[in-house]
């Protein structure tokens, strides 16, 4: 909808109603000027609450008498916050108390400064001389302006980073401020830039930056991945492959060429595609297949989004490509036979799933993608080239796939694809079974079947009896059951799984709900806590 129509709709919904609008962390008056029209003033008790670090900004919104200035932390509160961030519950060395209080005092009551400097202190191995050096650095940074002081302390933390972390940290500047960053995407970009070589090292770097309080842990997903936030001031709309893109306005004659290796754009999507930036030296490019993209021979990372149903064979001209991401809004995306000749590929992600033809047996008939370590989401089915696909990706460590029955209905067409040739696959931690019909409605799990499984989702299955115990999934943390209407109950032995944190049930029948509540009660009686969370959605 156009902004004018949205404003009218919001105004109509708020009119004659009491509302509370909360605008957090305002940096200028322009945002308010753009948003104030849809907020009717019916003098009925509605309120607009605004927070800012800048006094001159909030003073433009209201009278001085309506401003609430938050006080800074006291010296005692600053020291308590620093202790909580730096030390364990067991205590702290007495030799660090005096210098620690001095450091907390020099933060001048600013919580952000205390948190930032705490991240630096944790990297010193609690050596008193190093704390004194940091304290002396802070003494030289005495500034009355809170914003300047926070930036100075962040700069001090940056200067103490090892060289290999500085480039990784500065790379956050390419992302939108105060927004969540998918960690997997971040690590792929780090690898494309040559900062790191593998995911394990990237995780170590990321953990180090989190412990230094330079980035913030946001949330953990079901697949054990995490999202992080980079706290910055700017909040501009950067182009992202997650956005829905419109290619209709593209005019190749308007192409703007750049000589730089990397580009970051802060313009609207429409303007971005009308100008269509390009250049011979680019290592990263935009979000669509466009004429000439195969000429970017140095390209190592490519993310594409749009209403495509296939990838052009000319993609194989990008022989330096290491990370390839496709967000296809139609669902299935057909990969060409030339895909198998792209031997430098390390990470391929196709959303929602990828299919193959194998029509031209001469193209890449014997090639293997030996460097490919993560692949999602190929469409696998017995009797339809699954063995050929598996043979060509021998070193996969991570695989997310869509599995379906073959269309030939042969004797083995309903068997689960054989994946044992993928000897490098890491232990299975996430399993989601959706809309699967079991030949036997009794599911009796085998010993040591899922020794590393941490997340299990059963959605729309026909099983009625489930025989399992803690021995089958000793590390399970989360269980999700949806639309398993024939299931009688959840095994009571799951109360013995010490790692189990949450059970979610949705539309599974009364007996399943009762069995889950029984597990929760038993867990509380046994361990005396409410650590096991149960969520029932009707």
Protein backbone atom coordinates (compact mmCIF):
# COMPACT_ATOMS: atom_id res chain seq x y z
CA UNK A 1 0.00 0.00 0.00
CA UNK A 2 1.17 3.59 -0.59
CA UNK A 3 2.25 5.44 2.55
CA UNK A 4 -0.73 7.77 2.32
CA UNK A 5 -3.18 4.84 2.39
CA UNK A 6 -1.31 3.24 5.29
CA UNK A 7 -1.48 6.49 7.24
CA UNK A 8 -5.23 6.73 6.69
CA UNK A 9 -5.78 3.11 7.72
CA UNK A 10 -3.73 3.57 10.90
CA UNK A 11 -5.55 6.80 11.73
CA UNK A 12 -8.96 5.14 11.32
CA UNK A 13 -7.96 2.26 13.58
CA UNK A 14 -6.60 4.52 16.33
CA UNK A 15 -9.34 7.13 16.26
CA UNK A 16 -11.52 7.18 19.39
CA UNK A 17 -9.38 4.42 20.88
CA UNK A 18 -6.81 4.71 23.65
CA UNK A 19 -3.38 3.74 22.43
CA UNK A 20 0.24 3.64 23.55
CA UNK A 21 2.99 4.18 20.97
CA UNK A 22 6.59 3.49 22.03
CA UNK A 23 9.36 4.95 19.84
CA UNK A 24 12.69 3.73 21.16
CA UNK A 25 16.19 5.15 20.58
CA UNK A 26 15.37 8.18 18.46
CA UNK A 27 18.34 9.97 16.88
CA UNK A 28 16.60 12.79 15.00
CA UNK A 29 13.27 14.56 14.60
CA UNK A 30 12.68 13.42 11.02
CA UNK A 31 11.25 10.03 12.02
CA UNK A 32 8.64 11.75 14.16
CA UNK A 33 7.77 14.23 11.40
CA UNK A 34 7.05 11.29 9.08
CA UNK A 35 4.93 9.36 11.59
CA UNK A 36 2.95 11.87 13.62
CA UNK A 37 0.02 12.39 11.20
CA UNK A 38 -1.66 8.98 11.75
CA UNK A 39 -1.78 9.50 15.55
CA UNK A 40 -5.09 11.23 16.43
CA UNK A 41 -5.29 13.38 19.57
CA UNK A 42 -8.76 12.64 20.97
CA UNK A 43 -7.77 13.74 24.49
CA UNK A 44 -8.75 10.33 25.84
CA UNK A 45 -5.53 9.39 27.62
CA UNK A 46 -3.50 8.12 24.67
CA UNK A 47 0.24 8.47 25.07
CA UNK A 48 3.37 8.48 22.92
CA UNK A 49 6.55 7.46 24.75
CA UNK A 50 9.89 8.39 23.23
CA UNK A 51 13.41 7.49 24.35
CA UNK A 52 16.65 8.99 23.09
CA UNK A 53 20.24 9.45 24.16
CA UNK A 54 20.12 13.04 22.83
CA UNK A 55 18.42 15.69 24.95
CA UNK A 56 17.97 18.15 22.09
CA UNK A 57 16.03 15.51 20.13
CA UNK A 58 13.40 14.71 22.77
CA UNK A 59 13.08 18.38 23.72
CA UNK A 60 11.58 18.97 20.26
CA UNK A 61 8.75 16.54 21.00
CA UNK A 62 7.34 17.94 24.19
CA UNK A 63 7.66 20.51 26.95
CA UNK A 64 10.55 20.38 29.39
CA UNK A 65 8.24 19.38 32.23
CA UNK A 66 7.35 16.11 30.47
CA UNK A 67 10.97 14.97 30.08
CA UNK A 68 12.37 12.28 32.34
CA UNK A 69 16.15 12.23 32.55
CA UNK A 70 17.40 8.79 33.54
CA UNK A 71 20.12 9.04 36.15
CA UNK A 72 23.48 7.38 35.56
CA UNK A 73 24.51 4.40 37.63
CA UNK A 74 26.10 5.08 40.98
CA UNK A 75 29.69 4.00 41.56
CA UNK A 76 28.40 1.04 43.57
CA UNK A 77 25.94 0.02 40.85
CA UNK A 78 28.63 0.35 38.17
CA UNK A 79 30.95 -1.92 40.17
CA UNK A 80 28.17 -4.46 40.73
CA UNK A 81 27.39 -4.51 37.00
CA UNK A 82 31.06 -4.90 36.11
CA UNK A 83 31.47 -7.78 38.59
CA UNK A 84 28.43 -9.56 37.19
CA UNK A 85 29.74 -9.25 33.63
CA UNK A 86 33.37 -10.21 34.29
CA UNK A 87 33.47 -12.70 37.15
CA UNK A 88 31.84 -16.03 37.86
CA UNK A 89 29.51 -16.68 40.76
CA UNK A 90 32.39 -18.20 42.73
CA UNK A 91 33.90 -14.76 43.37
CA UNK A 92 36.78 -12.60 42.22
CA UNK A 93 40.47 -11.98 43.13
CA UNK A 94 40.88 -9.40 45.88
CA UNK A 95 43.86 -7.94 44.02
CA UNK A 96 41.48 -6.72 41.29
CA UNK A 97 38.93 -5.01 43.54
CA UNK A 98 40.61 -1.61 43.82
CA UNK A 99 41.52 -1.27 40.16
CA UNK A 100 38.15 -2.75 39.14
CA UNK A 101 36.29 -0.10 41.12
CA UNK A 102 38.46 2.57 39.51
CA UNK A 103 37.57 1.26 36.04
CA UNK A 104 33.86 1.17 36.94
CA UNK A 105 34.09 4.73 38.29
CA UNK A 106 35.69 5.96 35.06
CA UNK A 107 32.70 4.69 33.09
CA UNK A 108 30.82 7.62 34.67
CA UNK A 109 27.62 5.68 35.28
CA UNK A 110 27.01 4.67 31.66
CA UNK A 111 25.79 1.02 31.49
CA UNK A 112 26.91 0.61 27.86
CA UNK A 113 30.42 1.71 28.81
CA UNK A 114 30.51 -0.75 31.72
CA UNK A 115 29.37 -3.62 29.49
CA UNK A 116 31.83 -2.74 26.72
CA UNK A 117 34.82 -2.47 29.05
CA UNK A 118 33.77 -5.71 30.79
CA UNK A 119 34.15 -7.56 27.51
CA UNK A 120 37.71 -6.28 27.27
CA UNK A 121 38.57 -7.12 30.88
CA UNK A 122 37.49 -10.73 30.42
CA UNK A 123 40.23 -11.23 27.82
CA UNK A 124 43.06 -10.26 30.21
CA UNK A 125 43.18 -13.56 32.14
CA UNK A 126 42.58 -11.46 35.30
CA UNK A 127 46.13 -10.03 35.29
CA UNK A 128 46.29 -7.01 37.58
CA UNK A 129 48.90 -5.11 35.53
CA UNK A 130 46.73 -5.34 32.42
CA UNK A 131 43.73 -4.01 34.34
CA UNK A 132 45.83 -1.08 35.54
CA UNK A 133 46.88 -0.31 31.96
CA UNK A 134 43.24 -0.29 30.89
CA UNK A 135 42.37 1.93 33.84
CA UNK A 136 45.06 4.43 32.83
CA UNK A 137 43.70 4.42 29.27
CA UNK A 138 40.25 5.26 30.62
CA UNK A 139 41.66 8.07 32.74
CA UNK A 140 42.95 9.69 29.55
CA UNK A 141 39.48 9.45 27.95
CA UNK A 142 37.59 11.58 30.45
CA UNK A 143 34.89 13.21 28.31
CA UNK A 144 31.68 14.82 29.47
CA UNK A 145 29.65 13.87 26.39
CA UNK A 146 28.15 10.37 27.06
CA UNK A 147 27.93 9.43 23.38
CA UNK A 148 31.57 10.33 22.71
CA UNK A 149 32.69 8.45 25.82
CA UNK A 150 30.87 5.26 24.78
CA UNK A 151 32.50 5.41 21.36
CA UNK A 152 35.92 5.98 22.94
CA UNK A 153 35.50 2.90 25.13
CA UNK A 154 34.35 0.84 22.14
CA UNK A 155 37.43 2.06 20.27
CA UNK A 156 39.59 0.95 23.18
CA UNK A 157 37.98 -2.50 22.99
CA UNK A 158 38.59 -2.58 19.25
CA UNK A 159 42.25 -1.63 19.62
CA UNK A 160 42.75 -4.60 21.95
CA UNK A 161 41.33 -7.05 19.41
CA UNK A 162 43.83 -9.43 17.78
CA UNK A 163 44.40 -8.54 14.13
CA UNK A 164 42.53 -11.57 12.82
CA UNK A 165 39.35 -10.43 14.62
CA UNK A 166 39.47 -6.79 13.54
CA UNK A 167 38.49 -7.48 9.93
CA UNK A 168 35.68 -9.80 11.06
CA UNK A 169 34.34 -7.18 13.45
CA UNK A 170 34.53 -4.31 10.96
CA UNK A 171 32.59 -6.44 8.46
CA UNK A 172 29.48 -5.93 10.59
CA UNK A 173 29.40 -2.43 9.13
CA UNK A 174 27.95 -3.94 5.94
CA UNK A 175 24.81 -4.98 7.81
CA UNK A 176 21.83 -2.97 8.94
CA UNK A 177 22.29 -1.60 12.46
CA UNK A 178 20.29 -2.97 15.42
CA UNK A 179 18.99 -5.89 13.32
CA UNK A 180 19.50 -9.62 13.70
CA UNK A 181 22.16 -11.15 11.47
CA UNK A 182 21.84 -14.83 10.47
CA UNK A 183 25.07 -16.38 11.66
CA UNK A 184 25.36 -18.86 8.80
CA UNK A 185 25.12 -16.04 6.27
CA UNK A 186 27.75 -14.08 8.21
CA UNK A 187 30.16 -17.02 8.24
CA UNK A 188 29.71 -17.63 4.51
CA UNK A 189 30.55 -13.99 3.84
CA UNK A 190 33.61 -14.16 6.09
CA UNK A 191 34.82 -17.17 4.12
CA UNK A 192 34.09 -15.48 0.79
CA UNK A 193 36.24 -12.54 1.91
CA UNK A 194 39.06 -14.88 2.89
CA UNK A 195 38.95 -14.01 6.61
CA UNK A 196 38.50 -17.66 7.59
CA UNK A 197 38.60 -21.09 5.98
CA UNK A 198 35.93 -23.12 7.75
CA UNK A 199 32.82 -22.91 9.91
CA UNK A 200 34.49 -24.17 13.08
CA UNK A 201 36.97 -21.32 13.07
CA UNK A 202 34.17 -18.86 12.33
CA UNK A 203 32.27 -20.08 15.38
CA UNK A 204 35.33 -19.53 17.56
CA UNK A 205 35.73 -15.99 16.23
CA UNK A 206 32.06 -15.26 16.77
CA UNK A 207 32.15 -16.59 20.32
CA UNK A 208 35.16 -14.40 21.04
CA UNK A 209 33.37 -11.26 19.80
CA UNK A 210 30.30 -12.11 21.89
CA UNK A 211 32.41 -12.60 25.01
CA UNK A 212 34.01 -9.21 24.39
CA UNK A 213 30.49 -7.64 24.36
CA UNK A 214 31.07 -6.20 20.89
CA UNK A 215 28.11 -8.08 19.44
CA UNK A 216 24.98 -9.40 21.13
CA UNK A 217 23.64 -12.94 21.15
CA UNK A 218 20.04 -12.61 19.92
CA UNK A 219 18.36 -16.02 19.75
CA UNK A 220 18.89 -19.69 18.96
CA UNK A 221 16.92 -21.48 16.26
CA UNK A 222 15.71 -25.07 16.21
CA UNK A 223 18.56 -26.14 13.97
CA UNK A 224 21.09 -25.11 16.63
CA UNK A 225 22.06 -21.99 14.70
CA UNK A 226 22.13 -18.57 16.30
CA UNK A 227 21.39 -15.01 15.30
CA UNK A 228 23.44 -12.10 16.56
CA UNK A 229 23.04 -8.35 16.66
CA UNK A 230 25.63 -5.71 15.95
CA UNK A 231 24.80 -2.54 17.89
CA UNK A 232 25.42 0.49 15.69
CA UNK A 233 23.90 3.91 15.36
CA UNK A 234 22.85 3.87 11.73
CA UNK A 235 19.64 2.14 10.68
CA UNK A 236 19.50 2.41 6.91
CA UNK A 237 17.88 -0.11 4.51
CA UNK A 238 20.70 -2.12 2.96
CA UNK A 239 19.93 -4.39 0.04
CA UNK A 240 19.43 -7.97 1.26
CA UNK A 241 18.69 -11.23 -0.51
CA UNK A 242 15.96 -11.87 2.06
CA UNK A 243 13.82 -9.10 0.55
CA UNK A 244 11.22 -9.72 -2.14
CA UNK A 245 12.63 -8.12 -5.24
CA UNK A 246 11.00 -6.55 -8.28
CA UNK A 247 12.89 -6.90 -11.57
CA UNK A 248 10.31 -5.31 -13.89
CA UNK A 249 11.93 -1.85 -13.78
CA UNK A 250 15.39 -3.07 -14.80
CA UNK A 251 16.84 -1.27 -17.82
CA UNK A 252 20.33 -2.48 -18.83
CA UNK A 253 21.02 0.85 -20.53
CA UNK A 254 20.92 2.55 -17.14
CA UNK A 255 23.62 0.32 -15.68
CA UNK A 256 26.05 2.12 -13.37
CA UNK A 257 29.57 0.65 -13.35
CA UNK A 258 31.86 0.64 -10.33
CA UNK A 259 35.55 -0.13 -10.00
CA UNK A 260 35.43 -1.19 -6.33
CA UNK A 261 35.68 -4.81 -5.21
CA UNK A 262 32.75 -4.55 -2.78
CA UNK A 263 29.64 -2.41 -2.81
CA UNK A 264 27.05 -1.70 -0.11
CA UNK A 265 23.89 0.20 -1.07
CA UNK A 266 21.58 2.33 1.09
CA UNK A 267 18.88 2.97 -1.52
CA UNK A 268 15.41 1.64 -2.25
CA UNK A 269 15.13 -1.66 -4.08
CA UNK A 270 13.46 0.06 -7.05
CA UNK A 271 16.29 2.55 -7.44
CA UNK A 272 18.86 -0.20 -6.96
CA UNK A 273 17.51 -2.23 -9.88
CA UNK A 274 16.91 0.77 -12.12
CA UNK A 275 20.59 1.71 -11.82
CA UNK A 276 21.76 -1.93 -11.72
CA UNK A 277 25.33 -1.42 -10.47
CA UNK A 278 27.99 -3.64 -11.99
CA UNK A 279 31.73 -3.76 -12.48
CA UNK A 280 34.62 -5.97 -13.63
CA UNK A 281 36.25 -6.19 -10.19
CA UNK A 282 33.21 -7.03 -8.08
CA UNK A 283 33.56 -10.07 -5.81
CA UNK A 284 30.00 -9.81 -4.54
CA UNK A 285 26.97 -8.80 -6.52
CA UNK A 286 23.29 -8.21 -6.12
CA UNK A 287 20.19 -10.29 -5.88
CA UNK A 288 19.12 -11.42 -9.38
CA UNK A 289 20.29 -13.23 -12.46
CA UNK A 290 21.02 -10.44 -14.93
CA UNK A 291 22.68 -10.34 -18.30
CA UNK A 292 26.43 -10.29 -17.93
CA UNK A 293 26.65 -11.68 -14.42
CA UNK A 294 28.68 -14.59 -15.78
CA UNK A 295 31.39 -12.05 -16.67
CA UNK A 296 32.12 -11.42 -12.98
CA UNK A 297 34.77 -14.11 -13.01
CA UNK A 298 36.18 -13.27 -9.57
CA UNK A 299 32.80 -13.66 -7.88
CA UNK A 300 33.01 -15.83 -4.75
CA UNK A 301 29.65 -15.15 -3.07
CA UNK A 302 26.34 -14.86 -4.90
CA UNK A 303 22.88 -14.50 -3.36
CA UNK A 304 19.88 -14.49 -5.69
CA UNK A 305 16.19 -13.93 -4.97
CA UNK A 306 13.15 -13.78 -7.23
CA UNK A 307 10.42 -15.66 -9.04
CA UNK A 308 12.78 -17.95 -10.91
CA UNK A 309 12.22 -21.67 -11.41
CA UNK A 310 15.64 -22.50 -12.83
CA UNK A 311 19.28 -21.44 -12.80
CA UNK A 312 20.91 -20.67 -16.17
CA UNK A 313 23.71 -22.98 -17.37
CA UNK A 314 26.03 -19.96 -17.71
CA UNK A 315 26.31 -19.92 -13.92
CA UNK A 316 29.13 -22.44 -14.38
CA UNK A 317 31.26 -19.67 -15.90
CA UNK A 318 31.72 -18.41 -12.33
CA UNK A 319 34.44 -20.92 -11.57
CA UNK A 320 35.59 -19.01 -8.46
CA UNK A 321 32.18 -19.14 -6.82
CA UNK A 322 32.32 -20.64 -3.32
CA UNK A 323 28.94 -19.72 -1.81
CA UNK A 324 25.70 -19.84 -3.82
CA UNK A 325 22.34 -18.91 -2.29
CA UNK A 326 18.98 -18.93 -4.09
CA UNK A 327 15.68 -17.77 -2.63
CA UNK A 328 13.10 -18.90 -5.16
CA UNK A 329 9.60 -17.68 -4.44
CA UNK A 330 8.05 -20.34 -6.70
CA UNK A 331 9.39 -23.22 -4.57
CA UNK A 332 11.32 -25.68 -6.74
CA UNK A 333 14.46 -24.40 -8.47
CA UNK A 334 16.01 -26.49 -11.25
CA UNK A 335 19.83 -26.62 -11.23
CA UNK A 336 21.54 -27.12 -14.63
CA UNK A 337 23.84 -30.01 -15.44
CA UNK A 338 26.73 -27.51 -15.55
CA UNK A 339 26.28 -27.05 -11.82
CA UNK A 340 28.43 -30.16 -11.28
CA UNK A 341 31.44 -28.53 -12.94
CA UNK A 342 31.66 -25.75 -10.32
CA UNK A 343 34.34 -27.51 -8.32
CA UNK A 344 35.15 -24.62 -5.94
CA UNK A 345 31.67 -24.53 -4.44
CA UNK A 346 31.70 -24.91 -0.63
CA UNK A 347 28.19 -23.88 0.42
CA UNK A 348 24.95 -24.13 -1.56
CA UNK A 349 21.57 -23.15 -0.18
CA UNK A 350 18.41 -23.37 -2.31
CA UNK A 351 15.13 -22.16 -0.79
CA UNK A 352 12.78 -23.95 -0.86
CA UNK A 353 14.36 -26.91 -2.70
CA UNK A 354 16.56 -27.85 -5.67
CA UNK A 355 15.95 -30.43 -8.36
CA UNK A 356 18.17 -31.87 -11.11
CA UNK A 357 17.62 -33.21 -14.63
CA UNK A 358 20.79 -35.15 -15.59
CA UNK A 359 19.66 -34.85 -19.20
CA UNK A 360 23.13 -34.21 -20.59
CA UNK A 361 25.31 -37.05 -19.36
CA UNK A 362 28.39 -35.55 -21.07
CA UNK A 363 28.33 -32.41 -18.93
CA UNK A 364 30.05 -33.14 -15.68
CA UNK A 365 29.24 -36.84 -15.92
CA UNK A 366 32.23 -37.81 -13.81
CA UNK A 367 32.77 -34.61 -11.84
CA UNK A 368 32.48 -34.36 -8.09
CA UNK A 369 32.03 -31.31 -5.91
CA UNK A 370 34.73 -32.37 -3.49
CA UNK A 371 34.86 -28.99 -1.75
CA UNK A 372 31.13 -28.83 -1.04
CA UNK A 373 30.63 -29.14 2.73
CA UNK A 374 27.05 -27.84 3.20
CA UNK A 375 24.08 -28.34 0.90
CA UNK A 376 20.44 -27.45 1.32
CA UNK A 377 17.86 -28.23 0.11
CA UNK A 378 18.14 -30.93 -2.62
CA UNK A 379 15.04 -32.90 -3.56
CA UNK A 380 15.84 -36.58 -3.02
CA UNK A 381 13.82 -39.62 -4.02
CA UNK A 382 14.78 -43.26 -4.46
CA UNK A 383 14.90 -44.26 -8.08
CA UNK A 384 15.37 -40.69 -9.27
CA UNK A 385 19.10 -39.92 -9.39
CA UNK A 386 19.55 -39.84 -5.60
CA UNK A 387 22.52 -42.20 -5.70
CA UNK A 388 24.09 -40.07 -8.44
CA UNK A 389 23.67 -36.89 -6.41
CA UNK A 390 25.17 -38.47 -3.29
CA UNK A 391 28.12 -39.82 -5.29
CA UNK A 392 28.97 -36.32 -6.48
CA UNK A 393 29.07 -34.70 -3.02
CA UNK A 394 31.34 -37.09 -1.08
CA UNK A 395 32.59 -34.64 1.56
CA UNK A 396 29.34 -33.13 2.78
CA UNK A 397 29.33 -32.30 6.48
CA UNK A 398 25.87 -30.73 6.61
CA UNK A 399 22.85 -31.77 4.57
CA UNK A 400 19.28 -30.56 4.70
CA UNK A 401 17.05 -32.30 2.16
CA UNK A 402 13.46 -32.89 1.08
CA UNK A 403 12.66 -36.59 0.77
CA UNK A 404 9.69 -37.92 -1.17
CA UNK A 405 8.51 -41.16 -2.72
CA UNK A 406 9.59 -41.98 -6.24
CA UNK A 407 7.06 -41.74 -9.02
CA UNK A 408 7.88 -45.19 -10.48
CA UNK A 409 6.35 -47.12 -7.54
CA UNK A 410 8.97 -49.84 -7.88
CA UNK A 411 9.74 -52.23 -5.06
CA UNK A 412 12.23 -49.88 -3.43
CA UNK A 413 10.51 -46.62 -4.30
CA UNK A 414 9.26 -46.00 -0.76
CA UNK A 415 12.57 -46.71 0.97
CA UNK A 416 14.46 -43.95 2.72
CA UNK A 417 17.39 -42.82 0.51
CA UNK A 418 20.66 -44.49 1.42
CA UNK A 419 23.04 -41.87 2.78
CA UNK A 420 25.76 -44.06 4.23
CA UNK A 421 28.23 -43.08 1.50
CA UNK A 422 28.27 -39.56 2.96
CA UNK A 423 30.86 -40.56 5.52
CA UNK A 424 31.75 -36.97 6.48
CA UNK A 425 28.25 -36.03 7.65
CA UNK A 426 28.24 -34.69 11.19
CA UNK A 427 25.97 -36.28 13.78
CA UNK A 428 22.28 -35.65 13.28
CA UNK A 429 21.07 -32.95 15.70
CA UNK A 430 17.81 -31.80 14.06
CA UNK A 431 15.12 -34.09 12.62
CA UNK A 432 11.78 -32.92 11.22
CA UNK A 433 9.38 -35.59 9.91
CA UNK A 434 6.47 -33.97 8.07
CA UNK A 435 3.49 -35.68 6.36
CA UNK A 436 5.02 -39.16 6.35
CA UNK A 437 2.87 -42.31 6.21
CA UNK A 438 4.41 -45.20 8.15
CA UNK A 439 3.57 -48.71 6.95
CA UNK A 440 3.34 -49.77 10.60
CA UNK A 441 1.50 -47.37 12.91
CA UNK A 442 3.78 -48.48 15.77
CA UNK A 443 7.12 -46.67 15.90
CA UNK A 444 9.58 -48.60 18.01
CA UNK A 445 12.87 -46.76 18.14
CA UNK A 446 16.17 -48.66 18.04
CA UNK A 447 18.98 -48.34 20.55
CA UNK A 448 21.48 -45.57 19.78
CA UNK A 449 19.36 -44.48 16.83
CA UNK A 450 19.66 -40.75 17.54
CA UNK A 451 22.53 -40.32 20.01
CA UNK A 452 23.13 -36.62 19.19
CA UNK A 453 19.56 -35.52 18.38
CA UNK A 454 18.61 -32.25 20.08
CA UNK A 455 15.48 -31.18 18.20
CA UNK A 456 12.67 -33.49 17.04
CA UNK A 457 9.52 -32.42 15.20
CA UNK A 458 6.72 -34.80 14.22
CA UNK A 459 4.10 -33.18 12.00
CA UNK A 460 1.05 -34.90 10.51
CA UNK A 461 2.20 -38.50 11.02
CA UNK A 462 -0.03 -41.57 11.16
CA UNK A 463 1.71 -43.32 14.07
CA UNK A 464 -0.51 -44.44 16.92
CA UNK A 465 1.95 -46.06 19.34
CA UNK A 466 5.40 -44.63 20.09
CA UNK A 467 7.84 -46.87 21.94
CA UNK A 468 10.93 -44.97 23.07
CA UNK A 469 13.03 -44.04 26.10
CA UNK A 470 15.90 -41.78 27.11
CA UNK A 471 18.37 -44.28 25.68
CA UNK A 472 17.17 -43.55 22.16
CA UNK A 473 17.52 -39.74 22.36
CA UNK A 474 19.72 -38.99 25.39
CA UNK A 475 20.49 -35.39 24.34
CA UNK A 476 17.02 -34.29 23.22
CA UNK A 477 16.30 -30.67 24.17
CA UNK A 478 13.07 -29.82 22.32
CA UNK A 479 10.15 -31.94 21.13
CA UNK A 480 7.43 -30.56 18.83
CA UNK A 481 4.28 -32.53 17.96
CA UNK A 482 1.78 -31.17 15.43
CA UNK A 483 -1.37 -32.74 14.00
CA UNK A 484 -0.43 -36.27 15.11
CA UNK A 485 -4.10 -37.01 15.73
CA UNK A 486 -3.76 -40.80 15.94
CA UNK A 487 -0.94 -40.78 18.48
CA UNK A 488 -1.98 -42.22 21.84
CA UNK A 489 0.63 -40.63 24.09
CA UNK A 490 4.20 -39.47 24.51
CA UNK A 491 6.43 -42.05 26.23
CA UNK A 492 6.55 -41.37 29.97
CA UNK A 493 10.21 -42.45 29.98
CA UNK A 494 11.07 -39.10 28.39
CA UNK A 495 11.06 -37.71 31.92
CA UNK A 496 14.46 -39.38 32.26
CA UNK A 497 15.97 -37.19 29.50
CA UNK A 498 17.92 -34.72 31.62
CA UNK A 499 18.53 -32.33 28.69
CA UNK A 500 14.84 -31.97 27.74
CA UNK A 501 13.82 -28.31 28.03
CA UNK A 502 10.55 -27.93 26.13
CA UNK A 503 7.64 -29.93 24.71
CA UNK A 504 5.23 -28.23 22.29
CA UNK A 505 1.92 -29.88 21.34
CA UNK A 506 -0.54 -28.64 18.73
CA UNK A 507 -3.73 -30.41 17.59
CA UNK A 508 -2.74 -33.87 18.74
CA UNK A 509 -5.70 -34.96 20.86
CA UNK A 510 -6.47 -35.06 24.57
CA UNK A 511 -4.50 -38.21 25.33
CA UNK A 512 -1.26 -36.71 24.04
CA UNK A 513 -1.85 -33.51 26.01
CA UNK A 514 -2.50 -35.48 29.20
CA UNK A 515 0.64 -37.60 28.74
CA UNK A 516 2.76 -34.48 28.22
CA UNK A 517 1.35 -32.83 31.35
CA UNK A 518 2.05 -36.04 33.24
CA UNK A 519 5.70 -35.85 32.13
CA UNK A 520 5.89 -32.25 33.37
CA UNK A 521 4.40 -33.15 36.78
CA UNK A 522 6.73 -36.13 37.11
CA UNK A 523 9.70 -33.95 36.17
CA UNK A 524 8.83 -31.40 38.86
CA UNK A 525 8.38 -34.09 41.52
CA UNK A 526 11.66 -35.71 40.61
CA UNK A 527 13.86 -32.63 40.26
CA UNK A 528 11.92 -30.03 42.26
CA UNK A 529 12.03 -27.39 39.48
CA UNK A 530 9.87 -26.03 36.67
CA UNK A 531 12.68 -26.17 34.12
CA UNK A 532 10.67 -28.30 31.68
CA UNK A 533 8.39 -26.00 29.68
CA UNK A 534 5.20 -27.36 28.13
CA UNK A 535 3.28 -25.42 25.47
CA UNK A 536 -0.12 -26.71 24.35
CA UNK A 537 -1.81 -24.93 21.43
CA UNK A 538 -5.38 -25.77 20.47
